[in-house]
């Protein structure tokens, strides 16, 4: 029997899928611009070619550690931006006149 996903769970899965695809596209772009094969990138990361293939498929959400290893193997670093945060106004602060 298959459980039905709630709308919130479905939205969360979609967000993760979008992120996984964006990471995959960036890895493919950077790897190919660096002139590396999947196997060569794997060696630099200390892993195997199928791991890179899986990452580049965009079907699996990589761990932050994996993304960090990819960046290091390509001579870069990871940068995380948190954007579009809508903070509530702070209550109880009198307005200055």
PDB file of N, CA and C in Angstrom:
ATOM      1  N   UNK A   1       0.840  -1.174   0.000  1.00  0.00           N
ATOM      2  CA  UNK A   1       0.000   0.000   0.000  1.00  0.00           C
ATOM      3  C   UNK A   1       0.894   1.250   0.000  1.00  0.00           C
ATOM      4  N   UNK A   2       0.599   2.173  -0.881  1.00  0.00           N
ATOM      5  CA  UNK A   2       1.377   3.402  -1.002  1.00  0.00           C
ATOM      6  C   UNK A   2       0.694   4.530  -0.248  1.00  0.00           C
ATOM      7  N   UNK A   3       1.488   5.227   0.555  1.00  0.00           N
ATOM      8  CA  UNK A   3       0.955   6.380   1.283  1.00  0.00           C
ATOM      9  C   UNK A   3       0.833   7.561   0.346  1.00  0.00           C
ATOM     10  N   UNK A   4      -0.237   8.301   0.490  1.00  0.00           N
ATOM     11  CA  UNK A   4      -0.384   9.520  -0.293  1.00  0.00           C
ATOM     12  C   UNK A   4       0.400  10.629   0.385  1.00  0.00           C
ATOM     13  N   UNK A   5       1.060  11.422  -0.432  1.00  0.00           N
ATOM     14  CA  UNK A   5       1.837  12.543   0.100  1.00  0.00           C
ATOM     15  C   UNK A   5       0.917  13.727   0.346  1.00  0.00           C
ATOM     16  N   UNK A   6       1.197  14.412   1.421  1.00  0.00           N
ATOM     17  CA  UNK A   6       0.472  15.641   1.698  1.00  0.00           C
ATOM     18  C   UNK A   6       0.963  16.717   0.736  1.00  0.00           C
ATOM     19  N   UNK A   7       0.186  17.756   0.529  1.00  0.00           N
ATOM     20  CA  UNK A   7       0.656  18.846  -0.336  1.00  0.00           C
ATOM     21  C   UNK A   7       1.978  19.449   0.156  1.00  0.00           C
ATOM     22  N   UNK A   8       2.142  19.556   1.471  1.00  0.00           N
ATOM     23  CA  UNK A   8       3.389  20.109   2.017  1.00  0.00           C
ATOM     24  C   UNK A   8       4.571  19.189   1.699  1.00  0.00           C
ATOM     25  N   UNK A   9       4.370  17.881   1.827  1.00  0.00           N
ATOM     26  CA  UNK A   9       5.440  16.924   1.525  1.00  0.00           C
ATOM     27  C   UNK A   9       5.769  16.944   0.036  1.00  0.00           C
ATOM     28  N   UNK A  10       4.743  17.087  -0.787  1.00  0.00           N
ATOM     29  CA  UNK A  10       4.956  17.153  -2.231  1.00  0.00           C
ATOM     30  C   UNK A  10       5.737  18.417  -2.606  1.00  0.00           C
ATOM     31  N   UNK A  11       5.406  19.531  -1.975  1.00  0.00           N
ATOM     32  CA  UNK A  11       6.117  20.791  -2.231  1.00  0.00           C
ATOM     33  C   UNK A  11       7.568  20.695  -1.773  1.00  0.00           C
ATOM     34  N   UNK A  12       7.794  20.051  -0.620  1.00  0.00           N
ATOM     35  CA  UNK A  12       9.157  19.879  -0.113  1.00  0.00           C
ATOM     36  C   UNK A  12       9.982  19.017  -1.066  1.00  0.00           C
ATOM     37  N   UNK A  13       9.393  17.959  -1.573  1.00  0.00           N
ATOM     38  CA  UNK A  13      10.092  17.085  -2.518  1.00  0.00           C
ATOM     39  C   UNK A  13      10.423  17.844  -3.803  1.00  0.00           C
ATOM     40  N   UNK A  14       9.503  18.689  -4.262  1.00  0.00           N
ATOM     41  CA  UNK A  14       9.735  19.492  -5.465  1.00  0.00           C
ATOM     42  C   UNK A  14      10.892  20.459  -5.251  1.00  0.00           C
ATOM     43  N   UNK A  15      10.951  21.113  -4.083  1.00  0.00           N
ATOM     44  CA  UNK A  15      12.049  22.040  -3.784  1.00  0.00           C
ATOM     45  C   UNK A  15      13.386  21.308  -3.782  1.00  0.00           C
ATOM     46  N   UNK A  16      13.422  20.130  -3.145  1.00  0.00           N
ATOM     47  CA  UNK A  16      14.664  19.348  -3.114  1.00  0.00           C
ATOM     48  C   UNK A  16      15.061  18.910  -4.515  1.00  0.00           C
ATOM     49  N   UNK A  17      14.084  18.533  -5.315  1.00  0.00           N
ATOM     50  CA  UNK A  17      14.362  18.108  -6.679  1.00  0.00           C
ATOM     51  C   UNK A  17      14.930  19.273  -7.493  1.00  0.00           C
ATOM     52  N   UNK A  18      14.364  20.460  -7.319  1.00  0.00           N
ATOM     53  CA  UNK A  18      14.864  21.638  -8.029  1.00  0.00           C
ATOM     54  C   UNK A  18      16.300  21.954  -7.621  1.00  0.00           C
ATOM     55  N   UNK A  19      16.597  21.827  -6.334  1.00  0.00           N
ATOM     56  CA  UNK A  19      17.950  22.092  -5.838  1.00  0.00           C
ATOM     57  C   UNK A  19      18.917  21.041  -6.378  1.00  0.00           C
ATOM     58  N   UNK A  20      18.510  19.769  -6.349  1.00  0.00           N
ATOM     59  CA  UNK A  20      19.369  18.690  -6.850  1.00  0.00           C
ATOM     60  C   UNK A  20      19.686  18.898  -8.327  1.00  0.00           C
ATOM     61  N   UNK A  21      18.686  19.317  -9.111  1.00  0.00           N
ATOM     62  CA  UNK A  21      18.928  19.574 -10.536  1.00  0.00           C
ATOM     63  C   UNK A  21      19.866  20.757 -10.743  1.00  0.00           C
ATOM     64  N   UNK A  22      19.700  21.805  -9.945  1.00  0.00           N
ATOM     65  CA  UNK A  22      20.579  22.977 -10.066  1.00  0.00           C
ATOM     66  C   UNK A  22      22.025  22.609  -9.727  1.00  0.00           C
ATOM     67  N   UNK A  23      22.199  21.803  -8.674  1.00  0.00           N
ATOM     68  CA  UNK A  23      23.546  21.355  -8.303  1.00  0.00           C
ATOM     69  C   UNK A  23      24.127  20.495  -9.414  1.00  0.00           C
ATOM     70  N   UNK A  24      23.323  19.572  -9.950  1.00  0.00           N
ATOM     71  CA  UNK A  24      23.793  18.687 -11.019  1.00  0.00           C
ATOM     72  C   UNK A  24      24.242  19.492 -12.231  1.00  0.00           C
ATOM     73  N   UNK A  25      23.438  20.473 -12.624  1.00  0.00           N
ATOM     74  CA  UNK A  25      23.791  21.294 -13.784  1.00  0.00           C
ATOM     75  C   UNK A  25      25.097  22.047 -13.548  1.00  0.00           C
ATOM     76  N   UNK A  26      25.270  22.556 -12.347  1.00  0.00           N
ATOM     77  CA  UNK A  26      26.490  23.306 -12.049  1.00  0.00           C
ATOM     78  C   UNK A  26      27.706  22.384 -12.034  1.00  0.00           C
ATOM     79  N   UNK A  27      27.565  21.191 -11.474  1.00  0.00           N
ATOM     80  CA  UNK A  27      28.683  20.243 -11.437  1.00  0.00           C
ATOM     81  C   UNK A  27      29.088  19.855 -12.862  1.00  0.00           C
ATOM     82  N   UNK A  28      28.109  19.539 -13.707  1.00  0.00           N
ATOM     83  CA  UNK A  28      28.418  19.173 -15.098  1.00  0.00           C
ATOM     84  C   UNK A  28      29.125  20.332 -15.786  1.00  0.00           C
ATOM     85  N   UNK A  29      28.600  21.541 -15.621  1.00  0.00           N
ATOM     86  CA  UNK A  29      29.194  22.720 -16.261  1.00  0.00           C
ATOM     87  C   UNK A  29      30.640  22.923 -15.806  1.00  0.00           C
ATOM     88  N   UNK A  30      30.864  22.912 -14.493  1.00  0.00           N
ATOM     89  CA  UNK A  30      32.209  23.161 -13.972  1.00  0.00           C
ATOM     90  C   UNK A  30      33.175  22.031 -14.315  1.00  0.00           C
ATOM     91  N   UNK A  31      32.690  20.795 -14.261  1.00  0.00           N
ATOM     92  CA  UNK A  31      33.558  19.653 -14.583  1.00  0.00           C
ATOM     93  C   UNK A  31      33.994  19.708 -16.037  1.00  0.00           C
ATOM     94  N   UNK A  32      33.043  19.946 -16.935  1.00  0.00           N
ATOM     95  CA  UNK A  32      33.392  19.967 -18.351  1.00  0.00           C
ATOM     96  C   UNK A  32      34.252  21.182 -18.700  1.00  0.00           C
ATOM     97  N   UNK A  33      33.970  22.326 -18.080  1.00  0.00           N
ATOM     98  CA  UNK A  33      34.812  23.511 -18.313  1.00  0.00           C
ATOM     99  C   UNK A  33      36.227  23.278 -17.802  1.00  0.00           C
ATOM    100  N   UNK A  34      36.362  22.424 -16.794  1.00  0.00           N
ATOM    101  CA  UNK A  34      37.685  22.096 -16.255  1.00  0.00           C
ATOM    102  C   UNK A  34      38.381  21.022 -17.081  1.00  0.00           C
ATOM    103  N   UNK A  35      37.675  20.468 -18.065  1.00  0.00           N
ATOM    104  CA  UNK A  35      38.251  19.450 -18.930  1.00  0.00           C
ATOM    105  C   UNK A  35      38.378  18.091 -18.272  1.00  0.00           C
ATOM    106  N   UNK A  36      37.559  17.839 -17.262  1.00  0.00           N
ATOM    107  CA  UNK A  36      37.629  16.571 -16.529  1.00  0.00           C
ATOM    108  C   UNK A  36      36.521  15.619 -16.956  1.00  0.00           C
ATOM    109  N   UNK A  37      36.843  14.334 -16.933  1.00  0.00           N
ATOM    110  CA  UNK A  37      35.814  13.311 -17.102  1.00  0.00           C
ATOM    111  C   UNK A  37      35.203  13.040 -15.733  1.00  0.00           C
ATOM    112  N   UNK A  38      34.094  12.313 -15.725  1.00  0.00           N
ATOM    113  CA  UNK A  38      33.499  11.920 -14.438  1.00  0.00           C
ATOM    114  C   UNK A  38      34.490  11.097 -13.629  1.00  0.00           C
ATOM    115  N   UNK A  39      35.218  10.219 -14.298  1.00  0.00           N
ATOM    116  CA  UNK A  39      36.195   9.380 -13.607  1.00  0.00           C
ATOM    117  C   UNK A  39      37.321  10.189 -12.986  1.00  0.00           C
ATOM    118  N   UNK A  40      37.793  11.197 -13.712  1.00  0.00           N
ATOM    119  CA  UNK A  40      38.866  12.039 -13.182  1.00  0.00           C
ATOM    120  C   UNK A  40      38.401  12.855 -11.980  1.00  0.00           C
ATOM    121  N   UNK A  41      37.173  13.379 -12.063  1.00  0.00           N
ATOM    122  CA  UNK A  41      36.631  14.106 -10.914  1.00  0.00           C
ATOM    123  C   UNK A  41      36.477  13.161  -9.726  1.00  0.00           C
ATOM    124  N   UNK A  42      36.019  11.955  -9.992  1.00  0.00           N
ATOM    125  CA  UNK A  42      35.854  10.969  -8.924  1.00  0.00           C
ATOM    126  C   UNK A  42      37.186  10.682  -8.230  1.00  0.00           C
ATOM    127  N   UNK A  43      38.242  10.520  -9.010  1.00  0.00           N
ATOM    128  CA  UNK A  43      39.564  10.264  -8.423  1.00  0.00           C
ATOM    129  C   UNK A  43      39.974  11.426  -7.540  1.00  0.00           C
ATOM    130  N   UNK A  44      39.766  12.641  -8.019  1.00  0.00           N
ATOM    131  CA  UNK A  44      40.118  13.820  -7.211  1.00  0.00           C
ATOM    132  C   UNK A  44      39.332  13.874  -5.907  1.00  0.00           C
ATOM    133  N   UNK A  45      38.112  13.351  -5.937  1.00  0.00           N
ATOM    134  CA  UNK A  45      37.268  13.352  -4.738  1.00  0.00           C
ATOM    135  C   UNK A  45      37.505  12.131  -3.856  1.00  0.00           C
ATOM    136  N   UNK A  46      38.244  11.163  -4.360  1.00  0.00           N
ATOM    137  CA  UNK A  46      38.456   9.936  -3.604  1.00  0.00           C
ATOM    138  C   UNK A  46      37.246   9.029  -3.621  1.00  0.00           C
ATOM    139  N   UNK A  47      36.529   9.021  -4.748  1.00  0.00           N
ATOM    140  CA  UNK A  47      35.335   8.190  -4.862  1.00  0.00           C
ATOM    141  C   UNK A  47      35.343   7.489  -6.217  1.00  0.00           C
ATOM    142  N   UNK A  48      34.186   7.024  -6.683  1.00  0.00           N
ATOM    143  CA  UNK A  48      34.082   6.260  -7.925  1.00  0.00           C
ATOM    144  C   UNK A  48      33.218   6.990  -8.947  1.00  0.00           C
ATOM    145  N   UNK A  49      33.440   6.705 -10.219  1.00  0.00           N
ATOM    146  CA  UNK A  49      32.694   7.327 -11.309  1.00  0.00           C
ATOM    147  C   UNK A  49      31.182   7.275 -11.170  1.00  0.00           C
ATOM    148  N   UNK A  50      30.622   6.120 -10.766  1.00  0.00           N
ATOM    149  CA  UNK A  50      29.160   6.065 -10.631  1.00  0.00           C
ATOM    150  C   UNK A  50      28.598   7.074  -9.617  1.00  0.00           C
ATOM    151  N   UNK A  51      29.398   7.459  -8.635  1.00  0.00           N
ATOM    152  CA  UNK A  51      28.952   8.464  -7.666  1.00  0.00           C
ATOM    153  C   UNK A  51      28.766   9.805  -8.375  1.00  0.00           C
ATOM    154  N   UNK A  52      29.687  10.135  -9.271  1.00  0.00           N
ATOM    155  CA  UNK A  52      29.600  11.387 -10.021  1.00  0.00           C
ATOM    156  C   UNK A  52      28.424  11.324 -10.990  1.00  0.00           C
ATOM    157  N   UNK A  53      28.256  10.188 -11.627  1.00  0.00           N
ATOM    158  CA  UNK A  53      27.136  10.006 -12.545  1.00  0.00           C
ATOM    159  C   UNK A  53      25.804  10.214 -11.823  1.00  0.00           C
ATOM    160  N   UNK A  54      25.689   9.643 -10.662  1.00  0.00           N
ATOM    161  CA  UNK A  54      24.460   9.784  -9.857  1.00  0.00           C
ATOM    162  C   UNK A  54      24.243  11.243  -9.470  1.00  0.00           C
ATOM    163  N   UNK A  55      25.310  11.909  -9.046  1.00  0.00           N
ATOM    164  CA  UNK A  55      25.222  13.317  -8.667  1.00  0.00           C
ATOM    165  C   UNK A  55      24.780  14.157  -9.865  1.00  0.00           C
ATOM    166  N   UNK A  56      25.371  13.911 -11.022  1.00  0.00           N
ATOM    167  CA  UNK A  56      25.075  14.691 -12.216  1.00  0.00           C
ATOM    168  C   UNK A  56      23.713  14.369 -12.823  1.00  0.00           C
ATOM    169  N   UNK A  57      23.086  13.292 -12.404  1.00  0.00           N
ATOM    170  CA  UNK A  57      21.757  12.953 -12.920  1.00  0.00           C
ATOM    171  C   UNK A  57      20.695  13.910 -12.393  1.00  0.00           C
ATOM    172  N   UNK A  58      20.958  14.500 -11.223  1.00  0.00           N
ATOM    173  CA  UNK A  58      19.982  15.406 -10.621  1.00  0.00           C
ATOM    174  C   UNK A  58      18.819  14.693  -9.960  1.00  0.00           C
ATOM    175  N   UNK A  59      18.888  13.373  -9.891  1.00  0.00           N
ATOM    176  CA  UNK A  59      17.792  12.606  -9.310  1.00  0.00           C
ATOM    177  C   UNK A  59      17.961  12.373  -7.815  1.00  0.00           C
ATOM    178  N   UNK A  60      19.144  12.671  -7.299  1.00  0.00           N
ATOM    179  CA  UNK A  60      19.438  12.436  -5.883  1.00  0.00           C
ATOM    180  C   UNK A  60      19.951  13.725  -5.255  1.00  0.00           C
ATOM    181  N   UNK A  61      19.479  14.002  -4.053  1.00  0.00           N
ATOM    182  CA  UNK A  61      19.881  15.208  -3.341  1.00  0.00           C
ATOM    183  C   UNK A  61      21.207  14.936  -2.636  1.00  0.00           C
ATOM    184  N   UNK A  62      22.288  15.620  -3.046  1.00  0.00           N
ATOM    185  CA  UNK A  62      23.598  15.349  -2.441  1.00  0.00           C
ATOM    186  C   UNK A  62      23.721  15.974  -1.055  1.00  0.00           C
ATOM    187  N   UNK A  63      24.571  15.381  -0.246  1.00  0.00           N
ATOM    188  CA  UNK A  63      24.839  15.961   1.074  1.00  0.00           C
ATOM    189  C   UNK A  63      25.719  17.196   0.892  1.00  0.00           C
ATOM    190  N   UNK A  64      25.718  18.054   1.875  1.00  0.00           N
ATOM    191  CA  UNK A  64      26.574  19.231   1.831  1.00  0.00           C
ATOM    192  C   UNK A  64      28.042  18.811   1.782  1.00  0.00           C
ATOM    193  N   UNK A  65      28.379  17.719   2.457  1.00  0.00           N
ATOM    194  CA  UNK A  65      29.753  17.222   2.432  1.00  0.00           C
ATOM    195  C   UNK A  65      30.164  16.811   1.013  1.00  0.00           C
ATOM    196  N   UNK A  66      29.257  16.178   0.285  1.00  0.00           N
ATOM    197  CA  UNK A  66      29.547  15.792  -1.101  1.00  0.00           C
ATOM    198  C   UNK A  66      29.756  17.025  -1.965  1.00  0.00           C
ATOM    199  N   UNK A  67      28.907  18.021  -1.796  1.00  0.00           N
ATOM    200  CA  UNK A  67      29.047  19.257  -2.564  1.00  0.00           C
ATOM    201  C   UNK A  67      30.379  19.927  -2.230  1.00  0.00           C
ATOM    202  N   UNK A  68      30.758  19.910  -0.962  1.00  0.00           N
ATOM    203  CA  UNK A  68      32.036  20.478  -0.540  1.00  0.00           C
ATOM    204  C   UNK A  68      33.200  19.749  -1.193  1.00  0.00           C
ATOM    205  N   UNK A  69      33.121  18.418  -1.268  1.00  0.00           N
ATOM    206  CA  UNK A  69      34.183  17.625  -1.894  1.00  0.00           C
ATOM    207  C   UNK A  69      34.285  17.912  -3.394  1.00  0.00           C
ATOM    208  N   UNK A  70      33.145  18.080  -4.043  1.00  0.00           N
ATOM    209  CA  UNK A  70      33.152  18.418  -5.467  1.00  0.00           C
ATOM    210  C   UNK A  70      33.835  19.767  -5.660  1.00  0.00           C
ATOM    211  N   UNK A  71      33.436  20.741  -4.869  1.00  0.00           N
ATOM    212  CA  UNK A  71      34.025  22.079  -4.987  1.00  0.00           C
ATOM    213  C   UNK A  71      35.532  22.033  -4.784  1.00  0.00           C
ATOM    214  N   UNK A  72      35.969  21.328  -3.763  1.00  0.00           N
ATOM    215  CA  UNK A  72      37.409  21.233  -3.484  1.00  0.00           C
ATOM    216  C   UNK A  72      38.138  20.529  -4.627  1.00  0.00           C
ATOM    217  N   UNK A  73      37.543  19.477  -5.183  1.00  0.00           N
ATOM    218  CA  UNK A  73      38.171  18.743  -6.279  1.00  0.00           C
ATOM    219  C   UNK A  73      38.288  19.601  -7.536  1.00  0.00           C
ATOM    220  N   UNK A  74      37.403  20.593  -7.666  1.00  0.00           N
ATOM    221  CA  UNK A  74      37.441  21.490  -8.812  1.00  0.00           C
ATOM    222  C   UNK A  74      38.230  22.756  -8.515  1.00  0.00           C
ATOM    223  N   UNK A  75      38.774  22.837  -7.286  1.00  0.00           N
ATOM    224  CA  UNK A  75      39.571  24.001  -6.908  1.00  0.00           C
ATOM    225  C   UNK A  75      38.754  25.169  -6.403  1.00  0.00           C
ATOM    226  N   UNK A  76      37.544  24.907  -5.995  1.00  0.00           N
ATOM    227  CA  UNK A  76      36.663  25.979  -5.514  1.00  0.00           C
ATOM    228  C   UNK A  76      36.226  25.749  -4.082  1.00  0.00           C
ATOM    229  N   UNK A  77      35.178  26.448  -3.714  1.00  0.00           N
ATOM    230  CA  UNK A  77      34.606  26.316  -2.382  1.00  0.00           C
ATOM    231  C   UNK A  77      33.094  26.439  -2.494  1.00  0.00           C
ATOM    232  N   UNK A  78      32.401  26.077  -1.455  1.00  0.00           N
ATOM    233  CA  UNK A  78      30.947  26.161  -1.424  1.00  0.00           C
ATOM    234  C   UNK A  78      30.540  27.471  -0.765  1.00  0.00           C
ATOM    235  N   UNK A  79      29.539  28.109  -1.338  1.00  0.00           N
ATOM    236  CA  UNK A  79      28.974  29.319  -0.751  1.00  0.00           C
ATOM    237  C   UNK A  79      27.472  29.118  -0.673  1.00  0.00           C
ATOM    238  N   UNK A  80      26.902  29.346   0.496  1.00  0.00           N
ATOM    239  CA  UNK A  80      25.462  29.195   0.685  1.00  0.00           C
ATOM    240  C   UNK A  80      24.858  30.572   0.931  1.00  0.00           C
ATOM    241  N   UNK A  81      23.836  30.892   0.179  1.00  0.00           N
ATOM    242  CA  UNK A  81      23.115  32.143   0.365  1.00  0.00           C
ATOM    243  C   UNK A  81      21.693  31.835   0.809  1.00  0.00           C
ATOM    244  N   UNK A  82      21.250  32.514   1.835  1.00  0.00           N
ATOM    245  CA  UNK A  82      19.855  32.421   2.255  1.00  0.00           C
ATOM    246  C   UNK A  82      19.215  33.727   1.815  1.00  0.00           C
ATOM    247  N   UNK A  83      18.247  33.619   0.927  1.00  0.00           N
ATOM    248  CA  UNK A  83      17.678  34.811   0.312  1.00  0.00           C
ATOM    249  C   UNK A  83      16.166  34.897   0.513  1.00  0.00           C
ATOM    250  N   UNK A  84      15.649  36.070   0.252  1.00  0.00           N
ATOM    251  CA  UNK A  84      14.209  36.325   0.291  1.00  0.00           C
ATOM    252  C   UNK A  84      13.562  36.019   1.640  1.00  0.00           C
ATOM    253  N   UNK A  85      14.281  36.285   2.702  1.00  0.00           N
ATOM    254  CA  UNK A  85      13.732  36.066   4.043  1.00  0.00           C
ATOM    255  C   UNK A  85      12.876  37.270   4.406  1.00  0.00           C
ATOM    256  N   UNK A  86      11.661  37.009   4.800  1.00  0.00           N
ATOM    257  CA  UNK A  86      10.767  38.076   5.219  1.00  0.00           C
ATOM    258  C   UNK A  86      10.683  38.043   6.743  1.00  0.00           C
ATOM    259  N   UNK A  87      11.381  38.949   7.358  1.00  0.00           N
ATOM    260  CA  UNK A  87      11.408  39.003   8.810  1.00  0.00           C
ATOM    261  C   UNK A  87      10.242  39.826   9.330  1.00  0.00           C
ATOM    262  N   UNK A  88       9.630  39.370  10.417  1.00  0.00           N
ATOM    263  CA  UNK A  88       8.539  40.163  10.996  1.00  0.00           C
ATOM    264  C   UNK A  88       9.117  41.419  11.638  1.00  0.00           C
ATOM    265  N   UNK A  89       8.274  42.425  11.710  1.00  0.00           N
ATOM    266  CA  UNK A  89       8.699  43.636  12.397  1.00  0.00           C
ATOM    267  C   UNK A  89       8.835  43.312  13.872  1.00  0.00           C
ATOM    268  N   UNK A  90       9.807  43.936  14.500  1.00  0.00           N
ATOM    269  CA  UNK A  90      10.034  43.663  15.905  1.00  0.00           C
ATOM    270  C   UNK A  90       9.001  44.424  16.742  1.00  0.00           C
ATOM    271  N   UNK A  91       8.215  43.694  17.502  1.00  0.00           N
ATOM    272  CA  UNK A  91       7.179  44.346  18.306  1.00  0.00           C
ATOM    273  C   UNK A  91       7.772  45.050  19.534  1.00  0.00           C
ATOM    274  N   UNK A  92       7.056  46.025  20.027  1.00  0.00           N
ATOM    275  CA  UNK A  92       7.401  46.651  21.294  1.00  0.00           C
ATOM    276  C   UNK A  92       8.471  47.713  21.227  1.00  0.00           C
ATOM    277  N   UNK A  93       8.909  48.067  20.054  1.00  0.00           N
ATOM    278  CA  UNK A  93       9.914  49.106  19.956  1.00  0.00           C
ATOM    279  C   UNK A  93       9.218  50.410  19.589  1.00  0.00           C
ATOM    280  N   UNK A  94       9.339  51.379  20.445  1.00  0.00           N
ATOM    281  CA  UNK A  94       8.683  52.659  20.155  1.00  0.00           C
ATOM    282  C   UNK A  94       9.343  53.350  18.953  1.00  0.00           C
ATOM    283  N   UNK A  95       8.523  54.039  18.195  1.00  0.00           N
ATOM    284  CA  UNK A  95       9.044  54.791  17.056  1.00  0.00           C
ATOM    285  C   UNK A  95       9.734  56.035  17.547  1.00  0.00           C
ATOM    286  N   UNK A  96      10.839  56.363  16.920  1.00  0.00           N
ATOM    287  CA  UNK A  96      11.563  57.591  17.256  1.00  0.00           C
ATOM    288  C   UNK A  96      10.871  58.759  16.568  1.00  0.00           C
ATOM    289  N   UNK A  97      10.809  59.869  17.288  1.00  0.00           N
ATOM    290  CA  UNK A  97      10.177  61.057  16.709  1.00  0.00           C
ATOM    291  C   UNK A  97      11.144  62.134  16.511  1.00  0.00           C
TER     292      UNK A  97
END
